[in-house]
Amino acid sequence: MVKWTPKAESDLDELREYIAENFDFEAAIRISDELIDYTENLLSQYPLAGKIFESNPLFSSIVYQGNVIYYCENPEDKDIYIIYVKFRKQQFSEDRLNYDQEV
């Protein structure tokens, strides 16, 4: 099962807000919904589909329309947790990839 952490959900809110402010509200909703659907469908079927994050191999990432979705498998329940959604215009924050704080 694919689950979203509160921080990842907050990232989606920021993405929607950015798109709504700079483009249009309907596009913001559509793009975020598409990102969620793509991520959940892909990782539900192929949890190993992503690229392993080199500096912390517990995490992997997939890319959707230039947005990078970071995730990991929880060893206790085997669910896939989305921990960070870095959208195109956002600066990367490596400290977000801290397993103990996210899952």
Protein backbone atom coordinates (compact mmCIF):
# COMPACT_ATOMS: atom_id res chain seq x y z
CA MET A 1 0.00 0.00 0.00
CA VAL A 2 1.21 3.51 -0.79
CA LYS A 3 0.92 6.04 2.02
CA TRP A 4 1.71 9.75 2.14
CA THR A 5 3.44 11.28 5.16
CA PRO A 6 2.10 14.58 6.50
CA LYS A 7 5.20 16.35 5.16
CA ALA A 8 4.63 14.92 1.69
CA GLU A 9 1.00 16.03 1.83
CA SER A 10 2.24 19.49 2.79
CA ASP A 11 4.56 19.40 -0.23
CA LEU A 12 1.54 18.69 -2.43
CA ASP A 13 -0.26 21.67 -0.90
CA GLU A 14 2.75 23.88 -1.71
CA LEU A 15 2.79 22.56 -5.28
CA ARG A 16 -0.93 23.31 -5.71
CA GLU A 17 -0.47 26.78 -4.26
CA TYR A 18 2.49 27.55 -6.51
CA ILE A 19 0.65 26.44 -9.65
CA ALA A 20 -2.57 28.24 -8.66
CA GLU A 21 -0.71 31.51 -7.99
CA ASN A 22 1.46 31.38 -11.10
CA PHE A 23 -0.85 29.69 -13.59
CA ASP A 24 -4.37 28.67 -12.73
CA PHE A 25 -6.37 26.99 -9.98
CA GLU A 26 -7.84 24.24 -12.18
CA ALA A 27 -4.38 23.33 -13.48
CA ALA A 28 -3.13 23.14 -9.89
CA ILE A 29 -5.78 20.61 -8.95
CA ARG A 30 -5.39 18.61 -12.17
CA ILE A 31 -1.59 18.40 -11.98
CA SER A 32 -1.49 17.42 -8.31
CA ASP A 33 -4.20 14.79 -8.85
CA GLU A 34 -2.28 13.39 -11.82
CA LEU A 35 0.93 13.28 -9.77
CA ILE A 36 -0.84 11.41 -6.96
CA ASP A 37 -2.50 8.94 -9.35
CA TYR A 38 0.74 8.30 -11.24
CA THR A 39 2.72 7.77 -8.04
CA GLU A 40 0.21 5.49 -6.37
CA ASN A 41 -0.45 3.40 -9.50
CA LEU A 42 3.23 2.95 -10.35
CA LEU A 43 4.43 2.16 -6.84
CA SER A 44 1.48 -0.12 -6.05
CA GLN A 45 2.43 -2.28 -9.01
CA TYR A 46 6.20 -1.77 -9.08
CA PRO A 47 7.58 -0.67 -5.68
CA LEU A 48 11.15 -1.02 -6.97
CA ALA A 49 10.50 1.17 -10.02
CA GLY A 50 12.45 4.17 -8.76
CA LYS A 51 16.07 5.17 -8.75
CA ILE A 52 17.92 4.51 -5.47
CA PHE A 53 19.09 7.70 -3.79
CA GLU A 54 22.90 7.41 -3.75
CA SER A 55 23.64 9.16 -0.46
CA ASN A 56 20.96 7.17 1.41
CA PRO A 57 20.03 3.85 -0.25
CA LEU A 58 16.98 3.44 1.98
CA PHE A 59 15.23 5.93 -0.31
CA SER A 60 14.28 5.86 -3.96
CA SER A 61 12.78 8.42 -6.29
CA ILE A 62 10.57 8.63 -9.33
CA VAL A 63 9.97 11.63 -11.56
CA TYR A 64 6.65 12.91 -12.82
CA GLN A 65 6.65 15.93 -15.16
CA GLY A 66 9.85 17.28 -13.60
CA ASN A 67 8.66 16.77 -10.02
CA VAL A 68 10.66 14.28 -7.95
CA ILE A 69 8.85 11.98 -5.54
CA TYR A 70 11.01 10.37 -2.83
CA TYR A 71 9.82 7.28 -1.06
CA CYS A 72 10.88 4.29 1.03
CA GLU A 73 9.54 0.99 2.21
CA ASN A 74 8.77 0.70 5.88
CA PRO A 75 10.47 -2.53 7.02
CA GLU A 76 7.80 -3.14 9.67
CA ASP A 77 4.63 -3.01 7.59
CA LYS A 78 6.17 -3.23 4.06
CA ASP A 79 4.08 -0.26 2.94
CA ILE A 80 5.58 2.35 0.60
CA TYR A 81 5.75 5.79 2.21
CA ILE A 82 5.99 8.94 0.12
CA ILE A 83 8.15 11.23 2.21
CA TYR A 84 9.06 14.16 0.00
CA VAL A 85 7.66 15.75 -3.15
CA LYS A 86 10.19 18.18 -4.62
CA PHE A 87 8.50 20.21 -7.29
CA ARG A 88 10.37 21.82 -10.15
CA LYS A 89 10.95 25.28 -8.72
CA GLN A 90 11.78 24.08 -5.22
CA GLN A 91 15.32 23.74 -3.90
CA PHE A 92 16.29 20.21 -2.87
CA SER A 93 16.45 19.59 0.90
CA GLU A 94 18.50 16.47 1.66
CA ASP A 95 17.63 16.65 5.36
CA ARG A 96 14.08 15.66 4.34
CA LEU A 97 15.44 12.18 3.59
CA ASN A 98 15.82 11.15 7.21
CA TYR A 99 14.11 7.81 7.76
CA ASP A 100 13.69 8.14 11.53
CA GLN A 101 11.83 11.44 11.27
CA GLU A 102 9.57 10.63 8.34
CA VAL A 103 8.03 7.18 8.70
